[in-house]
Amino acid sequence: MDRYAILSAFGLDQIGIIAKLSEVLAGSNCNIEDSRITRMGQALTMMLLLKLPQGLDEGELLKRLQPLKKD
């Protein structure tokens, strides 16, 4: 059975922010099924529908994304 998660993220728009997020997701074998990304002033907001691989739970994915919070 396929498993999905919705990831929302926002922060100051800066070069490479989408690439960094995509690297973590690809390294976790997640697939971006759908996305909405918008600039609002100097902020970047995004919502991603992710297909999760077998064996990866939401808690582990959040742990892998944690270092991006600093950026």
C-alpha atoms as a PDB file:
ATOM      1  CA  MET A   1       0.000   0.000   0.000  1.00  0.00           C
ATOM      2  CA  ASP A   2       1.379   3.408  -0.976  1.00  0.00           C
ATOM      3  CA  ARG A   3       1.977   5.933   1.798  1.00  0.00           C
ATOM      4  CA  TYR A   4       1.901   9.691   1.368  1.00  0.00           C
ATOM      5  CA  ALA A   5       2.755  12.761   3.434  1.00  0.00           C
ATOM      6  CA  ILE A   6       2.233  16.475   2.971  1.00  0.00           C
ATOM      7  CA  LEU A   7       5.195  18.693   3.733  1.00  0.00           C
ATOM      8  CA  SER A   8       4.764  22.426   4.151  1.00  0.00           C
ATOM      9  CA  ALA A   9       7.740  24.728   4.444  1.00  0.00           C
ATOM     10  CA  PHE A  10       8.366  28.441   4.451  1.00  0.00           C
ATOM     11  CA  GLY A  11      11.214  30.817   4.991  1.00  0.00           C
ATOM     12  CA  LEU A  12      13.200  33.629   3.467  1.00  0.00           C
ATOM     13  CA  ASP A  13      13.728  33.106  -0.238  1.00  0.00           C
ATOM     14  CA  GLN A  14      17.375  32.354  -0.931  1.00  0.00           C
ATOM     15  CA  ILE A  15      19.430  30.654  -3.592  1.00  0.00           C
ATOM     16  CA  GLY A  16      19.492  26.880  -3.234  1.00  0.00           C
ATOM     17  CA  ILE A  17      16.682  26.434  -0.708  1.00  0.00           C
ATOM     18  CA  ILE A  18      14.608  24.222  -3.039  1.00  0.00           C
ATOM     19  CA  ALA A  19      17.716  22.294  -4.097  1.00  0.00           C
ATOM     20  CA  LYS A  20      18.629  21.548  -0.461  1.00  0.00           C
ATOM     21  CA  LEU A  21      15.131  20.300   0.296  1.00  0.00           C
ATOM     22  CA  SER A  22      15.056  18.219  -2.887  1.00  0.00           C
ATOM     23  CA  GLU A  23      18.421  16.638  -2.022  1.00  0.00           C
ATOM     24  CA  VAL A  24      17.135  15.436   1.349  1.00  0.00           C
ATOM     25  CA  LEU A  25      13.949  14.070  -0.210  1.00  0.00           C
ATOM     26  CA  ALA A  26      15.799  12.307  -3.045  1.00  0.00           C
ATOM     27  CA  GLY A  27      18.333  10.895  -0.580  1.00  0.00           C
ATOM     28  CA  SER A  28      15.389   9.519   1.405  1.00  0.00           C
ATOM     29  CA  ASN A  29      13.880   7.943  -1.743  1.00  0.00           C
ATOM     30  CA  CYS A  30      10.786  10.156  -1.493  1.00  0.00           C
ATOM     31  CA  ASN A  31       8.967  11.139  -4.656  1.00  0.00           C
ATOM     32  CA  ILE A  32       7.371  14.575  -5.044  1.00  0.00           C
ATOM     33  CA  GLU A  33       3.965  13.727  -6.474  1.00  0.00           C
ATOM     34  CA  ASP A  34       2.643  17.303  -6.554  1.00  0.00           C
ATOM     35  CA  SER A  35       3.821  20.720  -5.424  1.00  0.00           C
ATOM     36  CA  ARG A  36       2.818  24.322  -4.945  1.00  0.00           C
ATOM     37  CA  ILE A  37       5.617  26.840  -4.481  1.00  0.00           C
ATOM     38  CA  THR A  38       5.023  30.567  -4.185  1.00  0.00           C
ATOM     39  CA  ARG A  39       7.018  33.664  -3.354  1.00  0.00           C
ATOM     40  CA  MET A  40       5.264  36.065  -1.017  1.00  0.00           C
ATOM     41  CA  GLY A  41       7.395  39.183  -0.706  1.00  0.00           C
ATOM     42  CA  GLN A  42      10.761  37.945   0.505  1.00  0.00           C
ATOM     43  CA  ALA A  43       9.337  34.645   1.745  1.00  0.00           C
ATOM     44  CA  LEU A  44       9.090  31.341  -0.068  1.00  0.00           C
ATOM     45  CA  THR A  45       6.211  29.038   0.796  1.00  0.00           C
ATOM     46  CA  MET A  46       5.744  25.492  -0.442  1.00  0.00           C
ATOM     47  CA  MET A  47       3.477  22.514  -0.016  1.00  0.00           C
ATOM     48  CA  LEU A  48       4.631  19.153  -1.313  1.00  0.00           C
ATOM     49  CA  LEU A  49       2.733  15.889  -1.639  1.00  0.00           C
ATOM     50  CA  LEU A  50       5.302  13.153  -1.045  1.00  0.00           C
ATOM     51  CA  LYS A  51       5.135   9.450  -1.762  1.00  0.00           C
ATOM     52  CA  LEU A  52       7.097   7.760   1.008  1.00  0.00           C
ATOM     53  CA  PRO A  53       9.229   4.677   0.357  1.00  0.00           C
ATOM     54  CA  GLN A  54       8.702   1.446   2.280  1.00  0.00           C
ATOM     55  CA  GLY A  55      10.519   1.488   5.614  1.00  0.00           C
ATOM     56  CA  LEU A  56      10.665   5.282   6.021  1.00  0.00           C
ATOM     57  CA  ASP A  57       8.303   6.676   8.620  1.00  0.00           C
ATOM     58  CA  GLU A  58       7.320  10.293   9.060  1.00  0.00           C
ATOM     59  CA  GLY A  59       9.445  10.698  12.179  1.00  0.00           C
ATOM     60  CA  GLU A  60      12.606   9.607  10.381  1.00  0.00           C
ATOM     61  CA  LEU A  61      11.869  11.962   7.480  1.00  0.00           C
ATOM     62  CA  LEU A  62      11.393  14.879   9.889  1.00  0.00           C
ATOM     63  CA  LYS A  63      14.713  14.006  11.533  1.00  0.00           C
ATOM     64  CA  ARG A  64      16.452  14.134   8.143  1.00  0.00           C
ATOM     65  CA  LEU A  65      14.841  17.502   7.360  1.00  0.00           C
ATOM     66  CA  GLN A  66      15.746  19.021  10.755  1.00  0.00           C
ATOM     67  CA  PRO A  67      19.091  20.538   9.629  1.00  0.00           C
ATOM     68  CA  LEU A  68      17.235  22.633   7.034  1.00  0.00           C
ATOM     69  CA  LYS A  69      15.363  24.503   9.766  1.00  0.00           C
ATOM     70  CA  LYS A  70      18.512  26.534  10.426  1.00  0.00           C
ATOM     71  CA  ASP A  71      18.526  27.834   6.871  1.00  0.00           C
END
